[in-house]
PDB file of N, CA and C in Angstrom:
ATOM      1  N   UNK A   1       2.902  16.974  -7.563  1.00  0.00           N
ATOM      2  CA  UNK A   1       3.584  15.949  -8.320  1.00  0.00           C
ATOM      3  C   UNK A   1       4.940  15.622  -7.686  1.00  0.00           C
ATOM      4  N   UNK A   2       5.595  16.624  -7.182  1.00  0.00           N
ATOM      5  CA  UNK A   2       6.906  16.387  -6.559  1.00  0.00           C
ATOM      6  C   UNK A   2       6.760  15.530  -5.311  1.00  0.00           C
ATOM      7  N   UNK A   3       5.723  15.796  -4.493  1.00  0.00           N
ATOM      8  CA  UNK A   3       5.529  15.017  -3.277  1.00  0.00           C
ATOM      9  C   UNK A   3       5.205  13.559  -3.599  1.00  0.00           C
ATOM     10  N   UNK A   4       4.439  13.347  -4.652  1.00  0.00           N
ATOM     11  CA  UNK A   4       4.115  11.969  -5.055  1.00  0.00           C
ATOM     12  C   UNK A   4       5.371  11.246  -5.500  1.00  0.00           C
ATOM     13  N   UNK A   5       6.193  11.910  -6.289  1.00  0.00           N
ATOM     14  CA  UNK A   5       7.445  11.295  -6.732  1.00  0.00           C
ATOM     15  C   UNK A   5       8.365  10.997  -5.544  1.00  0.00           C
ATOM     16  N   UNK A   6       8.430  11.901  -4.595  1.00  0.00           N
ATOM     17  CA  UNK A   6       9.255  11.647  -3.413  1.00  0.00           C
ATOM     18  C   UNK A   6       8.724  10.488  -2.581  1.00  0.00           C
ATOM     19  N   UNK A   7       7.410  10.376  -2.473  1.00  0.00           N
ATOM     20  CA  UNK A   7       6.864   9.257  -1.704  1.00  0.00           C
ATOM     21  C   UNK A   7       7.167   7.922  -2.381  1.00  0.00           C
ATOM     22  N   UNK A   8       7.121   7.878  -3.701  1.00  0.00           N
ATOM     23  CA  UNK A   8       7.485   6.647  -4.399  1.00  0.00           C
ATOM     24  C   UNK A   8       8.983   6.380  -4.337  1.00  0.00           C
ATOM     25  N   UNK A   9       9.768   7.436  -4.226  1.00  0.00           N
ATOM     26  CA  UNK A   9      11.213   7.261  -4.104  1.00  0.00           C
ATOM     27  C   UNK A   9      11.556   6.527  -2.813  1.00  0.00           C
ATOM     28  N   UNK A  10      10.833   6.830  -1.739  1.00  0.00           N
ATOM     29  CA  UNK A  10      11.102   6.216  -0.445  1.00  0.00           C
ATOM     30  C   UNK A  10      10.229   4.997  -0.168  1.00  0.00           C
ATOM     31  N   UNK A  11       9.442   4.567  -1.129  1.00  0.00           N
ATOM     32  CA  UNK A  11       8.549   3.426  -0.930  1.00  0.00           C
ATOM     33  C   UNK A  11       9.318   2.142  -0.641  1.00  0.00           C
ATOM     34  N   UNK A  12      10.461   1.968  -1.251  1.00  0.00           N
ATOM     35  CA  UNK A  12      11.258   0.761  -1.028  1.00  0.00           C
ATOM     36  C   UNK A  12      11.751   0.636   0.402  1.00  0.00           C
ATOM     37  N   UNK A  13      11.806   1.741   1.126  1.00  0.00           N
ATOM     38  CA  UNK A  13      12.254   1.710   2.507  1.00  0.00           C
ATOM     39  C   UNK A  13      11.311   0.967   3.435  1.00  0.00           C
ATOM     40  N   UNK A  14      10.054   0.836   3.047  1.00  0.00           N
ATOM     41  CA  UNK A  14       9.095   0.128   3.893  1.00  0.00           C
ATOM     42  C   UNK A  14       9.520  -1.323   4.113  1.00  0.00           C
ATOM     43  N   UNK A  15      10.073  -1.931   3.082  1.00  0.00           N
ATOM     44  CA  UNK A  15      10.442  -3.335   3.199  1.00  0.00           C
ATOM     45  C   UNK A  15      11.630  -3.533   4.138  1.00  0.00           C
ATOM     46  N   UNK A  16      12.446  -2.497   4.323  1.00  0.00           N
ATOM     47  CA  UNK A  16      13.563  -2.626   5.257  1.00  0.00           C
ATOM     48  C   UNK A  16      13.247  -2.049   6.635  1.00  0.00           C
ATOM     49  N   UNK A  17      12.260  -1.174   6.742  1.00  0.00           N
ATOM     50  CA  UNK A  17      11.922  -0.564   8.024  1.00  0.00           C
ATOM     51  C   UNK A  17      10.931  -1.421   8.820  1.00  0.00           C
ATOM     52  N   UNK A  18       9.938  -1.989   8.169  1.00  0.00           N
ATOM     53  CA  UNK A  18       8.870  -2.696   8.887  1.00  0.00           C
ATOM     54  C   UNK A  18       9.345  -3.889   9.715  1.00  0.00           C
ATOM     55  N   UNK A  19      10.326  -4.690   9.274  1.00  0.00           N
ATOM     56  CA  UNK A  19      10.752  -5.792  10.155  1.00  0.00           C
ATOM     57  C   UNK A  19      11.316  -5.290  11.487  1.00  0.00           C
ATOM     58  N   UNK A  20      12.080  -4.210  11.439  1.00  0.00           N
ATOM     59  CA  UNK A  20      12.648  -3.667  12.674  1.00  0.00           C
ATOM     60  C   UNK A  20      11.573  -3.105  13.576  1.00  0.00           C
ATOM     61  N   UNK A  21      10.629  -2.381  13.000  1.00  0.00           N
ATOM     62  CA  UNK A  21       9.560  -1.773  13.791  1.00  0.00           C
ATOM     63  C   UNK A  21       8.682  -2.847  14.433  1.00  0.00           C
ATOM     64  N   UNK A  22       8.316  -3.866  13.675  1.00  0.00           N
ATOM     65  CA  UNK A  22       7.469  -4.917  14.255  1.00  0.00           C
ATOM     66  C   UNK A  22       8.213  -5.712  15.320  1.00  0.00           C
ATOM     67  N   UNK A  23       9.520  -5.899  15.145  1.00  0.00           N
ATOM     68  CA  UNK A  23      10.296  -6.607  16.168  1.00  0.00           C
ATOM     69  C   UNK A  23      10.390  -5.790  17.452  1.00  0.00           C
ATOM     70  N   UNK A  24      10.517  -4.463  17.315  1.00  0.00           N
ATOM     71  CA  UNK A  24      10.583  -3.620  18.516  1.00  0.00           C
ATOM     72  C   UNK A  24       9.226  -3.538  19.215  1.00  0.00           C
ATOM     73  N   UNK A  25       8.155  -3.491  18.444  1.00  0.00           N
ATOM     74  CA  UNK A  25       6.827  -3.359  19.043  1.00  0.00           C
ATOM     75  C   UNK A  25       6.330  -4.652  19.671  1.00  0.00           C
ATOM     76  N   UNK A  26       6.549  -5.778  18.993  1.00  0.00           N
ATOM     77  CA  UNK A  26       5.936  -7.034  19.419  1.00  0.00           C
ATOM     78  C   UNK A  26       6.928  -8.064  19.949  1.00  0.00           C
ATOM     79  N   UNK A  27       8.202  -7.745  19.942  1.00  0.00           N
ATOM     80  CA  UNK A  27       9.204  -8.719  20.350  1.00  0.00           C
ATOM     81  C   UNK A  27       9.675  -9.522  19.142  1.00  0.00           C
ATOM     82  N   UNK A  28      10.775 -10.195  19.307  1.00  0.00           N
ATOM     83  CA  UNK A  28      11.378 -10.904  18.169  1.00  0.00           C
ATOM     84  C   UNK A  28      10.522 -12.077  17.707  1.00  0.00           C
ATOM     85  N   UNK A  29       9.996 -12.865  18.640  1.00  0.00           N
ATOM     86  CA  UNK A  29       9.206 -14.037  18.263  1.00  0.00           C
ATOM     87  C   UNK A  29       7.880 -13.654  17.622  1.00  0.00           C
ATOM     88  N   UNK A  30       7.157 -12.763  18.234  1.00  0.00           N
ATOM     89  CA  UNK A  30       5.853 -12.360  17.711  1.00  0.00           C
ATOM     90  C   UNK A  30       5.998 -11.398  16.549  1.00  0.00           C
ATOM     91  N   UNK A  31       7.064 -10.587  16.548  1.00  0.00           N
ATOM     92  CA  UNK A  31       7.273  -9.608  15.478  1.00  0.00           C
ATOM     93  C   UNK A  31       7.406 -10.244  14.111  1.00  0.00           C
ATOM     94  N   UNK A  32       8.028 -11.410  14.046  1.00  0.00           N
ATOM     95  CA  UNK A  32       8.165 -12.082  12.748  1.00  0.00           C
ATOM     96  C   UNK A  32       6.806 -12.547  12.221  1.00  0.00           C
ATOM     97  N   UNK A  33       5.932 -12.955  13.115  1.00  0.00           N
ATOM     98  CA  UNK A  33       4.591 -13.367  12.688  1.00  0.00           C
ATOM     99  C   UNK A  33       3.772 -12.162  12.242  1.00  0.00           C
ATOM    100  N   UNK A  34       3.898 -11.062  12.970  1.00  0.00           N
ATOM    101  CA  UNK A  34       3.165  -9.846  12.598  1.00  0.00           C
ATOM    102  C   UNK A  34       3.684  -9.304  11.279  1.00  0.00           C
ATOM    103  N   UNK A  35       5.004  -9.353  11.078  1.00  0.00           N
ATOM    104  CA  UNK A  35       5.561  -8.842   9.821  1.00  0.00           C
ATOM    105  C   UNK A  35       5.070  -9.653   8.630  1.00  0.00           C
ATOM    106  N   UNK A  36       4.878 -10.940   8.802  1.00  0.00           N
ATOM    107  CA  UNK A  36       4.363 -11.737   7.679  1.00  0.00           C
ATOM    108  C   UNK A  36       2.966 -11.285   7.290  1.00  0.00           C
ATOM    109  N   UNK A  37       2.167 -10.872   8.264  1.00  0.00           N
ATOM    110  CA  UNK A  37       0.833 -10.346   7.964  1.00  0.00           C
ATOM    111  C   UNK A  37       0.940  -8.991   7.278  1.00  0.00           C
ATOM    112  N   UNK A  38       1.846  -8.140   7.762  1.00  0.00           N
ATOM    113  CA  UNK A  38       2.055  -6.820   7.144  1.00  0.00           C
ATOM    114  C   UNK A  38       2.534  -6.979   5.707  1.00  0.00           C
ATOM    115  N   UNK A  39       3.466  -7.899   5.485  1.00  0.00           N
ATOM    116  CA  UNK A  39       4.008  -8.111   4.142  1.00  0.00           C
ATOM    117  C   UNK A  39       2.921  -8.634   3.205  1.00  0.00           C
ATOM    118  N   UNK A  40       2.043  -9.494   3.705  1.00  0.00           N
ATOM    119  CA  UNK A  40       0.929  -9.988   2.905  1.00  0.00           C
ATOM    120  C   UNK A  40      -0.047  -8.862   2.583  1.00  0.00           C
ATOM    121  N   UNK A  41      -0.149  -7.887   3.470  1.00  0.00           N
ATOM    122  CA  UNK A  41      -1.017  -6.736   3.245  1.00  0.00           C
ATOM    123  C   UNK A  41      -0.631  -5.934   2.016  1.00  0.00           C
ATOM    124  N   UNK A  42       0.669  -5.843   1.712  1.00  0.00           N
ATOM    125  CA  UNK A  42       1.098  -5.141   0.503  1.00  0.00           C
ATOM    126  C   UNK A  42       0.484  -5.783  -0.742  1.00  0.00           C
ATOM    127  N   UNK A  43       0.532  -7.103  -0.807  1.00  0.00           N
ATOM    128  CA  UNK A  43      -0.013  -7.807  -1.970  1.00  0.00           C
ATOM    129  C   UNK A  43      -1.534  -7.678  -2.035  1.00  0.00           C
ATOM    130  N   UNK A  44      -2.178  -7.794  -0.895  1.00  0.00           N
ATOM    131  CA  UNK A  44      -3.647  -7.702  -0.868  1.00  0.00           C
ATOM    132  C   UNK A  44      -4.129  -6.320  -1.300  1.00  0.00           C
ATOM    133  N   UNK A  45      -3.473  -5.268  -0.820  1.00  0.00           N
ATOM    134  CA  UNK A  45      -3.901  -3.928  -1.206  1.00  0.00           C
ATOM    135  C   UNK A  45      -3.644  -3.649  -2.678  1.00  0.00           C
ATOM    136  N   UNK A  46      -2.618  -4.250  -3.239  1.00  0.00           N
ATOM    137  CA  UNK A  46      -2.380  -4.091  -4.664  1.00  0.00           C
ATOM    138  C   UNK A  46      -3.507  -4.733  -5.473  1.00  0.00           C
ATOM    139  N   UNK A  47      -3.913  -5.917  -5.081  1.00  0.00           N
ATOM    140  CA  UNK A  47      -4.997  -6.608  -5.782  1.00  0.00           C
ATOM    141  C   UNK A  47      -6.307  -5.843  -5.621  1.00  0.00           C
ATOM    142  N   UNK A  48      -6.571  -5.357  -4.410  1.00  0.00           N
ATOM    143  CA  UNK A  48      -7.791  -4.579  -4.179  1.00  0.00           C
ATOM    144  C   UNK A  48      -7.777  -3.300  -5.008  1.00  0.00           C
ATOM    145  N   UNK A  49      -6.617  -2.662  -5.133  1.00  0.00           N
ATOM    146  CA  UNK A  49      -6.508  -1.452  -5.942  1.00  0.00           C
ATOM    147  C   UNK A  49      -6.822  -1.695  -7.409  1.00  0.00           C
ATOM    148  N   UNK A  50      -6.357  -2.811  -7.930  1.00  0.00           N
ATOM    149  CA  UNK A  50      -6.641  -3.146  -9.328  1.00  0.00           C
ATOM    150  C   UNK A  50      -8.134  -3.402  -9.520  1.00  0.00           C
ATOM    151  N   UNK A  51      -8.740  -4.137  -8.601  1.00  0.00           N
ATOM    152  CA  UNK A  51     -10.172  -4.434  -8.705  1.00  0.00           C
ATOM    153  C   UNK A  51     -10.989  -3.144  -8.611  1.00  0.00           C
ATOM    154  N   UNK A  52     -10.636  -2.267  -7.671  1.00  0.00           N
ATOM    155  CA  UNK A  52     -11.345  -0.993  -7.557  1.00  0.00           C
ATOM    156  C   UNK A  52     -11.208  -0.161  -8.829  1.00  0.00           C
ATOM    157  N   UNK A  53     -10.029  -0.163  -9.414  1.00  0.00           N
ATOM    158  CA  UNK A  53      -9.829   0.584 -10.658  1.00  0.00           C
ATOM    159  C   UNK A  53     -10.703   0.034 -11.771  1.00  0.00           C
ATOM    160  N   UNK A  54     -10.777  -1.277 -11.866  1.00  0.00           N
ATOM    161  CA  UNK A  54     -11.589  -1.896 -12.922  1.00  0.00           C
ATOM    162  C   UNK A  54     -13.081  -1.599 -12.738  1.00  0.00           C
ATOM    163  N   UNK A  55     -13.508  -1.394 -11.494  1.00  0.00           N
ATOM    164  CA  UNK A  55     -14.915  -1.120 -11.226  1.00  0.00           C
ATOM    165  C   UNK A  55     -15.234   0.367 -11.335  1.00  0.00           C
ATOM    166  N   UNK A  56     -14.380   1.211 -10.775  1.00  0.00           N
ATOM    167  CA  UNK A  56     -14.680   2.638 -10.689  1.00  0.00           C
ATOM    168  C   UNK A  56     -14.539   3.346 -12.023  1.00  0.00           C
ATOM    169  N   UNK A  57     -13.530   3.010 -12.804  1.00  0.00           N
ATOM    170  CA  UNK A  57     -13.318   3.722 -14.077  1.00  0.00           C
ATOM    171  C   UNK A  57     -14.505   3.582 -15.016  1.00  0.00           C
ATOM    172  N   UNK A  58     -15.064   2.397 -15.237  1.00  0.00           N
ATOM    173  CA  UNK A  58     -16.244   2.341 -16.116  1.00  0.00           C
ATOM    174  C   UNK A  58     -17.482   3.045 -15.541  1.00  0.00           C
ATOM    175  N   UNK A  59     -17.610   3.082 -14.217  1.00  0.00           N
ATOM    176  CA  UNK A  59     -18.778   3.725 -13.621  1.00  0.00           C
ATOM    177  C   UNK A  59     -18.762   5.241 -13.801  1.00  0.00           C
ATOM    178  N   UNK A  60     -17.591   5.844 -13.700  1.00  0.00           N
ATOM    179  CA  UNK A  60     -17.474   7.300 -13.759  1.00  0.00           C
ATOM    180  C   UNK A  60     -16.574   7.716 -14.920  1.00  0.00           C
ATOM    181  N   UNK A  61     -16.794   7.162 -16.076  1.00  0.00           N
ATOM    182  CA  UNK A  61     -15.886   7.327 -17.216  1.00  0.00           C
ATOM    183  C   UNK A  61     -15.640   8.793 -17.574  1.00  0.00           C
ATOM    184  N   UNK A  62     -16.659   9.577 -17.701  1.00  0.00           N
ATOM    185  CA  UNK A  62     -16.461  10.936 -18.172  1.00  0.00           C
ATOM    186  C   UNK A  62     -16.324  11.974 -17.086  1.00  0.00           C
ATOM    187  N   UNK A  63     -16.469  11.593 -15.825  1.00  0.00           N
ATOM    188  CA  UNK A  63     -16.523  12.600 -14.772  1.00  0.00           C
ATOM    189  C   UNK A  63     -15.341  12.521 -13.810  1.00  0.00           C
ATOM    190  N   UNK A  64     -14.159  12.285 -14.302  1.00  0.00           N
ATOM    191  CA  UNK A  64     -12.976  12.309 -13.454  1.00  0.00           C
ATOM    192  C   UNK A  64     -12.746  11.060 -12.644  1.00  0.00           C
ATOM    193  N   UNK A  65     -12.896   9.911 -13.252  1.00  0.00           N
ATOM    194  CA  UNK A  65     -12.705   8.654 -12.530  1.00  0.00           C
ATOM    195  C   UNK A  65     -11.262   8.486 -12.071  1.00  0.00           C
ATOM    196  N   UNK A  66     -10.328   8.978 -12.858  1.00  0.00           N
ATOM    197  CA  UNK A  66      -8.925   8.828 -12.483  1.00  0.00           C
ATOM    198  C   UNK A  66      -8.584   9.679 -11.258  1.00  0.00           C
ATOM    199  N   UNK A  67      -9.212  10.837 -11.149  1.00  0.00           N
ATOM    200  CA  UNK A  67      -9.008  11.659  -9.953  1.00  0.00           C
ATOM    201  C   UNK A  67      -9.602  10.971  -8.727  1.00  0.00           C
ATOM    202  N   UNK A  68     -10.749  10.343  -8.886  1.00  0.00           N
ATOM    203  CA  UNK A  68     -11.387   9.636  -7.784  1.00  0.00           C
ATOM    204  C   UNK A  68     -10.518   8.484  -7.309  1.00  0.00           C
ATOM    205  N   UNK A  69      -9.950   7.729  -8.223  1.00  0.00           N
ATOM    206  CA  UNK A  69      -9.069   6.616  -7.854  1.00  0.00           C
ATOM    207  C   UNK A  69      -7.826   7.138  -7.160  1.00  0.00           C
ATOM    208  N   UNK A  70      -7.297   8.244  -7.646  1.00  0.00           N
ATOM    209  CA  UNK A  70      -6.123   8.832  -7.003  1.00  0.00           C
ATOM    210  C   UNK A  70      -6.425   9.225  -5.564  1.00  0.00           C
ATOM    211  N   UNK A  71      -7.583   9.815  -5.309  1.00  0.00           N
ATOM    212  CA  UNK A  71      -7.935  10.241  -3.967  1.00  0.00           C
ATOM    213  C   UNK A  71      -8.205   9.054  -3.052  1.00  0.00           C
ATOM    214  N   UNK A  72      -8.733   7.978  -3.588  1.00  0.00           N
ATOM    215  CA  UNK A  72      -8.969   6.775  -2.771  1.00  0.00           C
ATOM    216  C   UNK A  72      -7.645   6.173  -2.356  1.00  0.00           C
TER     217      UNK A  72
END
């Protein structure tokens, strides 16, 4: 539980670290285009996570569906 809380504590750092990393890896011109794809990925994975939760929880209601979602 402590490690999960610490990972969420530093989650906000991704939004400030990724632009610098993509600019160093791909150059300034291409890095901005790559970062826009990375930033869009945050939203897409959130939507996919909600859809997976809505599907998996009813399928495995009594057998630890919440643990399965956590592991995914």
